PDB file of all heavy atoms in Angstrom:
ATOM      1  N   ASP A   1       7.312   6.849 -17.107  1.00  0.00           N
ATOM      2  CA  ASP A   1       6.556   7.588 -18.132  1.00  0.00           C
ATOM      3  C   ASP A   1       6.460   9.076 -17.827  1.00  0.00           C
ATOM      4  O   ASP A   1       5.789   9.821 -18.544  1.00  0.00           O
ATOM      5  CB  ASP A   1       5.152   6.991 -18.304  1.00  0.00           C
ATOM      6  CG  ASP A   1       4.314   7.060 -17.027  1.00  0.00           C
ATOM      7  OD1 ASP A   1       4.741   7.708 -16.047  1.00  0.00           O
ATOM      8  OD2 ASP A   1       3.225   6.449 -16.999  1.00  0.00           O
ATOM      9  N   GLY A   2       7.097   9.524 -16.718  1.00  0.00           N
ATOM     10  CA  GLY A   2       7.148  10.951 -16.410  1.00  0.00           C
ATOM     11  C   GLY A   2       6.122  11.421 -15.401  1.00  0.00           C
ATOM     12  O   GLY A   2       6.192  12.564 -14.934  1.00  0.00           O
ATOM     13  N   ARG A   3       5.186  10.557 -15.030  1.00  0.00           N
ATOM     14  CA  ARG A   3       4.153  10.976 -14.081  1.00  0.00           C
ATOM     15  C   ARG A   3       4.715  11.135 -12.673  1.00  0.00           C
ATOM     16  O   ARG A   3       5.454  10.274 -12.197  1.00  0.00           O
ATOM     17  CB  ARG A   3       3.017   9.954 -14.034  1.00  0.00           C
ATOM     18  CG  ARG A   3       2.086   9.981 -15.209  1.00  0.00           C
ATOM     19  CD  ARG A   3       0.987   8.944 -15.052  1.00  0.00           C
ATOM     20  NE  ARG A   3       1.537   7.587 -15.043  1.00  0.00           N
ATOM     21  CZ  ARG A   3       0.803   6.499 -14.783  1.00  0.00           C
ATOM     22  NH1 ARG A   3      -0.481   6.630 -14.461  1.00  0.00           N
ATOM     23  NH2 ARG A   3       1.366   5.303 -14.805  1.00  0.00           N
ATOM     24  N   GLU A   4       4.354  12.258 -12.035  1.00  0.00           N
ATOM     25  CA  GLU A   4       4.700  12.445 -10.627  1.00  0.00           C
ATOM     26  C   GLU A   4       3.710  11.661  -9.778  1.00  0.00           C
ATOM     27  O   GLU A   4       2.502  11.671 -10.048  1.00  0.00           O
ATOM     28  CB  GLU A   4       4.655  13.927 -10.246  1.00  0.00           C
ATOM     29  CG  GLU A   4       5.813  14.738 -10.766  1.00  0.00           C
ATOM     30  CD  GLU A   4       5.837  16.138 -10.186  1.00  0.00           C
ATOM     31  OE1 GLU A   4       4.750  16.703  -9.996  1.00  0.00           O
ATOM     32  OE2 GLU A   4       6.936  16.661  -9.932  1.00  0.00           O
ATOM     33  N   VAL A   5       4.218  10.990  -8.761  1.00  0.00           N
ATOM     34  CA  VAL A   5       3.373  10.149  -7.918  1.00  0.00           C
ATOM     35  C   VAL A   5       3.725  10.351  -6.451  1.00  0.00           C
ATOM     36  O   VAL A   5       4.796  10.862  -6.109  1.00  0.00           O
ATOM     37  CB  VAL A   5       3.526   8.647  -8.277  1.00  0.00           C
ATOM     38  CG1 VAL A   5       2.988   8.361  -9.662  1.00  0.00           C
ATOM     39  CG2 VAL A   5       4.993   8.205  -8.153  1.00  0.00           C
ATOM     40  N   ALA A   6       2.800   9.944  -5.601  1.00  0.00           N
ATOM     41  CA  ALA A   6       3.031   9.894  -4.157  1.00  0.00           C
ATOM     42  C   ALA A   6       3.145   8.421  -3.774  1.00  0.00           C
ATOM     43  O   ALA A   6       2.217   7.641  -4.017  1.00  0.00           O
ATOM     44  CB  ALA A   6       1.890  10.567  -3.404  1.00  0.00           C
ATOM     45  N   VAL A   7       4.269   8.049  -3.205  1.00  0.00           N
ATOM     46  CA  VAL A   7       4.540   6.645  -2.852  1.00  0.00           C
ATOM     47  C   VAL A   7       4.382   6.482  -1.344  1.00  0.00           C
ATOM     48  O   VAL A   7       5.128   7.071  -0.557  1.00  0.00           O
ATOM     49  CB  VAL A   7       5.961   6.238  -3.287  1.00  0.00           C
ATOM     50  CG1 VAL A   7       6.249   4.805  -2.846  1.00  0.00           C
ATOM     51  CG2 VAL A   7       6.110   6.386  -4.793  1.00  0.00           C
ATOM     52  N   LYS A   8       3.389   5.706  -0.956  1.00  0.00           N
ATOM     53  CA  LYS A   8       3.082   5.504   0.454  1.00  0.00           C
ATOM     54  C   LYS A   8       3.696   4.178   0.912  1.00  0.00           C
ATOM     55  O   LYS A   8       3.268   3.100   0.496  1.00  0.00           O
ATOM     56  CB  LYS A   8       1.564   5.481   0.647  1.00  0.00           C
ATOM     57  CG  LYS A   8       1.094   5.451   2.080  1.00  0.00           C
ATOM     58  CD  LYS A   8      -0.426   5.534   2.066  1.00  0.00           C
ATOM     59  CE  LYS A   8      -0.990   5.699   3.453  1.00  0.00           C
ATOM     60  NZ  LYS A   8      -2.459   5.805   3.407  1.00  0.00           N
ATOM     61  N   ARG A   9       4.746   4.274   1.708  1.00  0.00           N
ATOM     62  CA  ARG A   9       5.460   3.098   2.201  1.00  0.00           C
ATOM     63  C   ARG A   9       4.944   2.757   3.593  1.00  0.00           C
ATOM     64  O   ARG A   9       5.291   3.402   4.575  1.00  0.00           O
ATOM     65  CB  ARG A   9       6.957   3.405   2.239  1.00  0.00           C
ATOM     66  CG  ARG A   9       7.858   2.220   2.521  1.00  0.00           C
ATOM     67  CD  ARG A   9       9.308   2.679   2.645  1.00  0.00           C
ATOM     68  NE  ARG A   9      10.256   1.572   2.599  1.00  0.00           N
ATOM     69  CZ  ARG A   9      11.556   1.717   2.822  1.00  0.00           C
ATOM     70  NH1 ARG A   9      12.052   2.931   3.099  1.00  0.00           N
ATOM     71  NH2 ARG A   9      12.358   0.667   2.762  1.00  0.00           N
ATOM     72  N   LEU A  10       4.089   1.755   3.669  1.00  0.00           N
ATOM     73  CA  LEU A  10       3.449   1.427   4.936  1.00  0.00           C
ATOM     74  C   LEU A  10       4.481   0.941   5.948  1.00  0.00           C
ATOM     75  O   LEU A  10       5.447   0.255   5.601  1.00  0.00           O
ATOM     76  CB  LEU A  10       2.368   0.369   4.744  1.00  0.00           C
ATOM     77  CG  LEU A  10       1.226   0.756   3.802  1.00  0.00           C
ATOM     78  CD1 LEU A  10       0.168  -0.337   3.792  1.00  0.00           C
ATOM     79  CD2 LEU A  10       0.605   2.080   4.213  1.00  0.00           C
ATOM     80  N   SER A  11       4.258   1.298   7.198  1.00  0.00           N
ATOM     81  CA  SER A  11       5.178   0.943   8.264  1.00  0.00           C
ATOM     82  C   SER A  11       5.306  -0.571   8.395  1.00  0.00           C
ATOM     83  O   SER A  11       4.324  -1.308   8.275  1.00  0.00           O
ATOM     84  CB  SER A  11       4.690   1.540   9.593  1.00  0.00           C
ATOM     85  OG  SER A  11       5.427   1.022  10.671  1.00  0.00           O
ATOM     86  N   ARG A  12       6.504  -1.036   8.647  1.00  0.00           N
ATOM     87  CA  ARG A  12       6.720  -2.463   8.854  1.00  0.00           C
ATOM     88  C   ARG A  12       6.110  -2.943  10.164  1.00  0.00           C
ATOM     89  O   ARG A  12       5.990  -4.142  10.399  1.00  0.00           O
ATOM     90  CB  ARG A  12       8.222  -2.767   8.825  1.00  0.00           C
ATOM     91  CG  ARG A  12       8.837  -2.483   7.461  1.00  0.00           C
ATOM     92  CD  ARG A  12      10.328  -2.710   7.430  1.00  0.00           C
ATOM     93  NE  ARG A  12      10.882  -2.357   6.122  1.00  0.00           N
ATOM     94  CZ  ARG A  12      12.171  -2.447   5.808  1.00  0.00           C
ATOM     95  NH1 ARG A  12      13.036  -2.865   6.722  1.00  0.00           N
ATOM     96  NH2 ARG A  12      12.589  -2.117   4.611  1.00  0.00           N
ATOM     97  N   HIS A  13       5.744  -1.980  11.008  1.00  0.00           N
ATOM     98  CA  HIS A  13       5.097  -2.325  12.278  1.00  0.00           C
ATOM     99  C   HIS A  13       3.578  -2.336  12.140  1.00  0.00           C
ATOM    100  O   HIS A  13       2.862  -2.557  13.114  1.00  0.00           O
ATOM    101  CB  HIS A  13       5.508  -1.337  13.370  1.00  0.00           C
ATOM    102  CG  HIS A  13       6.986  -1.269  13.595  1.00  0.00           C
ATOM    103  ND1 HIS A  13       7.708  -2.332  14.093  1.00  0.00           N
ATOM    104  CD2 HIS A  13       7.888  -0.276  13.373  1.00  0.00           C
ATOM    105  CE1 HIS A  13       8.993  -2.002  14.179  1.00  0.00           C
ATOM    106  NE2 HIS A  13       9.128  -0.760  13.751  1.00  0.00           N
ATOM    107  N   SER A  14       3.090  -2.067  10.929  1.00  0.00           N
ATOM    108  CA  SER A  14       1.644  -2.056  10.702  1.00  0.00           C
ATOM    109  C   SER A  14       1.064  -3.436  10.966  1.00  0.00           C
ATOM    110  O   SER A  14       1.682  -4.469  10.668  1.00  0.00           O
ATOM    111  CB  SER A  14       1.343  -1.643   9.258  1.00  0.00           C
ATOM    112  OG  SER A  14      -0.029  -1.833   8.958  1.00  0.00           O
ATOM    113  N   LYS A  15      -0.141  -3.460  11.528  1.00  0.00           N
ATOM    114  CA  LYS A  15      -0.803  -4.733  11.828  1.00  0.00           C
ATOM    115  C   LYS A  15      -1.505  -5.296  10.600  1.00  0.00           C
ATOM    116  O   LYS A  15      -2.092  -6.376  10.636  1.00  0.00           O
ATOM    117  CB  LYS A  15      -1.818  -4.540  12.961  1.00  0.00           C
ATOM    118  CG  LYS A  15      -1.169  -4.169  14.292  1.00  0.00           C
ATOM    119  CD  LYS A  15      -2.208  -4.019  15.386  1.00  0.00           C
ATOM    120  CE  LYS A  15      -1.566  -3.651  16.726  1.00  0.00           C
ATOM    121  NZ  LYS A  15      -2.568  -3.481  17.793  1.00  0.00           N
ATOM    122  N   GLN A  16      -1.456  -4.558   9.498  1.00  0.00           N
ATOM    123  CA  GLN A  16      -2.125  -5.009   8.290  1.00  0.00           C
ATOM    124  C   GLN A  16      -1.320  -6.116   7.615  1.00  0.00           C
ATOM    125  O   GLN A  16      -0.142  -5.949   7.306  1.00  0.00           O
ATOM    126  CB  GLN A  16      -2.308  -3.840   7.321  1.00  0.00           C
ATOM    127  CG  GLN A  16      -3.166  -4.175   6.120  1.00  0.00           C
ATOM    128  CD  GLN A  16      -3.292  -2.987   5.182  1.00  0.00           C
ATOM    129  OE1 GLN A  16      -2.312  -2.393   4.798  1.00  0.00           O
ATOM    130  NE2 GLN A  16      -4.504  -2.645   4.838  1.00  0.00           N
ATOM    131  N   GLY A  17      -1.942  -7.261   7.385  1.00  0.00           N
ATOM    132  CA  GLY A  17      -1.287  -8.365   6.711  1.00  0.00           C
ATOM    133  C   GLY A  17      -1.403  -8.241   5.204  1.00  0.00           C
ATOM    134  O   GLY A  17      -2.055  -7.326   4.690  1.00  0.00           O
ATOM    135  N   SER A  18      -0.799  -9.175   4.479  1.00  0.00           N
ATOM    136  CA  SER A  18      -0.799  -9.113   3.020  1.00  0.00           C
ATOM    137  C   SER A  18      -2.210  -9.253   2.453  1.00  0.00           C
ATOM    138  O   SER A  18      -2.558  -8.606   1.460  1.00  0.00           O
ATOM    139  CB  SER A  18       0.118 -10.196   2.443  1.00  0.00           C
ATOM    140  OG  SER A  18      -0.292 -11.479   2.863  1.00  0.00           O
ATOM    141  N   GLU A  19      -3.042 -10.093   3.077  1.00  0.00           N
ATOM    142  CA  GLU A  19      -4.417 -10.263   2.590  1.00  0.00           C
ATOM    143  C   GLU A  19      -5.200  -8.966   2.756  1.00  0.00           C
ATOM    144  O   GLU A  19      -5.922  -8.547   1.847  1.00  0.00           O
ATOM    145  CB  GLU A  19      -5.109 -11.400   3.338  1.00  0.00           C
ATOM    146  CG  GLU A  19      -6.517 -11.681   2.823  1.00  0.00           C
ATOM    147  CD  GLU A  19      -7.174 -12.855   3.527  1.00  0.00           C
ATOM    148  OE1 GLU A  19      -6.485 -13.549   4.301  1.00  0.00           O
ATOM    149  OE2 GLU A  19      -8.380 -13.066   3.294  1.00  0.00           O
ATOM    150  N   GLU A  20      -5.066  -8.319   3.919  1.00  0.00           N
ATOM    151  CA  GLU A  20      -5.748  -7.050   4.147  1.00  0.00           C
ATOM    152  C   GLU A  20      -5.242  -5.985   3.186  1.00  0.00           C
ATOM    153  O   GLU A  20      -6.002  -5.171   2.676  1.00  0.00           O
ATOM    154  CB  GLU A  20      -5.539  -6.592   5.592  1.00  0.00           C
ATOM    155  CG  GLU A  20      -6.244  -7.442   6.628  1.00  0.00           C
ATOM    156  CD  GLU A  20      -5.855  -7.030   8.043  1.00  0.00           C
ATOM    157  OE1 GLU A  20      -4.652  -7.118   8.369  1.00  0.00           O
ATOM    158  OE2 GLU A  20      -6.740  -6.621   8.795  1.00  0.00           O
ATOM    159  N   PHE A  21      -3.930  -5.994   2.949  1.00  0.00           N
ATOM    160  CA  PHE A  21      -3.340  -5.024   2.029  1.00  0.00           C
ATOM    161  C   PHE A  21      -3.925  -5.190   0.627  1.00  0.00           C
ATOM    162  O   PHE A  21      -4.316  -4.215  -0.024  1.00  0.00           O
ATOM    163  CB  PHE A  21      -1.821  -5.202   1.995  1.00  0.00           C
ATOM    164  CG  PHE A  21      -1.124  -4.339   0.977  1.00  0.00           C
ATOM    165  CD1 PHE A  21      -0.863  -3.001   1.242  1.00  0.00           C
ATOM    166  CD2 PHE A  21      -0.732  -4.861  -0.242  1.00  0.00           C
ATOM    167  CE1 PHE A  21      -0.212  -2.206   0.307  1.00  0.00           C
ATOM    168  CE2 PHE A  21      -0.086  -4.078  -1.185  1.00  0.00           C
ATOM    169  CZ  PHE A  21       0.168  -2.739  -0.909  1.00  0.00           C
ATOM    170  N   MET A  22      -4.016  -6.421   0.145  1.00  0.00           N
ATOM    171  CA  MET A  22      -4.549  -6.660  -1.193  1.00  0.00           C
ATOM    172  C   MET A  22      -6.036  -6.326  -1.271  1.00  0.00           C
ATOM    173  O   MET A  22      -6.525  -5.870  -2.311  1.00  0.00           O
ATOM    174  CB  MET A  22      -4.300  -8.112  -1.612  1.00  0.00           C
ATOM    175  CG  MET A  22      -2.836  -8.424  -1.901  1.00  0.00           C
ATOM    176  SD  MET A  22      -2.087  -7.260  -3.089  1.00  0.00           S
ATOM    177  CE  MET A  22      -3.171  -7.461  -4.510  1.00  0.00           C
ATOM    178  N   ASN A  23      -6.762  -6.530  -0.172  1.00  0.00           N
ATOM    179  CA  ASN A  23      -8.174  -6.121  -0.147  1.00  0.00           C
ATOM    180  C   ASN A  23      -8.295  -4.614  -0.297  1.00  0.00           C
ATOM    181  O   ASN A  23      -9.185  -4.106  -1.000  1.00  0.00           O
ATOM    182  CB  ASN A  23      -8.835  -6.564   1.167  1.00  0.00           C
ATOM    183  CG  ASN A  23      -9.105  -8.054   1.201  1.00  0.00           C
ATOM    184  OD1 ASN A  23      -9.151  -8.710   0.162  1.00  0.00           O
ATOM    185  ND2 ASN A  23      -9.281  -8.595   2.393  1.00  0.00           N
ATOM    186  N   GLU A  24      -7.381  -3.886   0.382  1.00  0.00           N
ATOM    187  CA  GLU A  24      -7.390  -2.431   0.274  1.00  0.00           C
ATOM    188  C   GLU A  24      -7.080  -2.002  -1.152  1.00  0.00           C
ATOM    189  O   GLU A  24      -7.725  -1.114  -1.708  1.00  0.00           O
ATOM    190  CB  GLU A  24      -6.376  -1.819   1.241  1.00  0.00           C
ATOM    191  CG  GLU A  24      -6.322  -0.297   1.183  1.00  0.00           C
ATOM    192  CD  GLU A  24      -5.303   0.297   2.144  1.00  0.00           C
ATOM    193  OE1 GLU A  24      -4.771  -0.456   2.988  1.00  0.00           O
ATOM    194  OE2 GLU A  24      -5.045   1.498   2.036  1.00  0.00           O
ATOM    195  N   VAL A  25      -6.096  -2.643  -1.769  1.00  0.00           N
ATOM    196  CA  VAL A  25      -5.728  -2.319  -3.149  1.00  0.00           C
ATOM    197  C   VAL A  25      -6.911  -2.562  -4.081  1.00  0.00           C
ATOM    198  O   VAL A  25      -7.250  -1.719  -4.922  1.00  0.00           O
ATOM    199  CB  VAL A  25      -4.514  -3.160  -3.603  1.00  0.00           C
ATOM    200  CG1 VAL A  25      -4.284  -3.015  -5.106  1.00  0.00           C
ATOM    201  CG2 VAL A  25      -3.266  -2.735  -2.850  1.00  0.00           C
ATOM    202  N   ALA A  26      -7.560  -3.719  -3.926  1.00  0.00           N
ATOM    203  CA  ALA A  26      -8.689  -4.061  -4.787  1.00  0.00           C
ATOM    204  C   ALA A  26      -9.829  -3.069  -4.625  1.00  0.00           C
ATOM    205  O   ALA A  26     -10.514  -2.711  -5.595  1.00  0.00           O
ATOM    206  CB  ALA A  26      -9.175  -5.479  -4.473  1.00  0.00           C
ATOM    207  N   LEU A  27     -10.025  -2.604  -3.392  1.00  0.00           N
ATOM    208  CA  LEU A  27     -11.082  -1.626  -3.125  1.00  0.00           C
ATOM    209  C   LEU A  27     -10.774  -0.296  -3.787  1.00  0.00           C
ATOM    210  O   LEU A  27     -11.583   0.239  -4.564  1.00  0.00           O
ATOM    211  CB  LEU A  27     -11.239  -1.433  -1.615  1.00  0.00           C
ATOM    212  CG  LEU A  27     -12.018  -0.194  -1.150  1.00  0.00           C
ATOM    213  CD1 LEU A  27     -13.458  -0.262  -1.632  1.00  0.00           C
ATOM    214  CD2 LEU A  27     -11.961  -0.048   0.359  1.00  0.00           C
TER     215      LEU A  27
END
């Protein structure tokens, strides 16, 4: 749609699991 965005690609070595990631997103 033309919007400029910042894409944060979390490190694959991050200790954050998928559940923690989704909690962060929901927050």
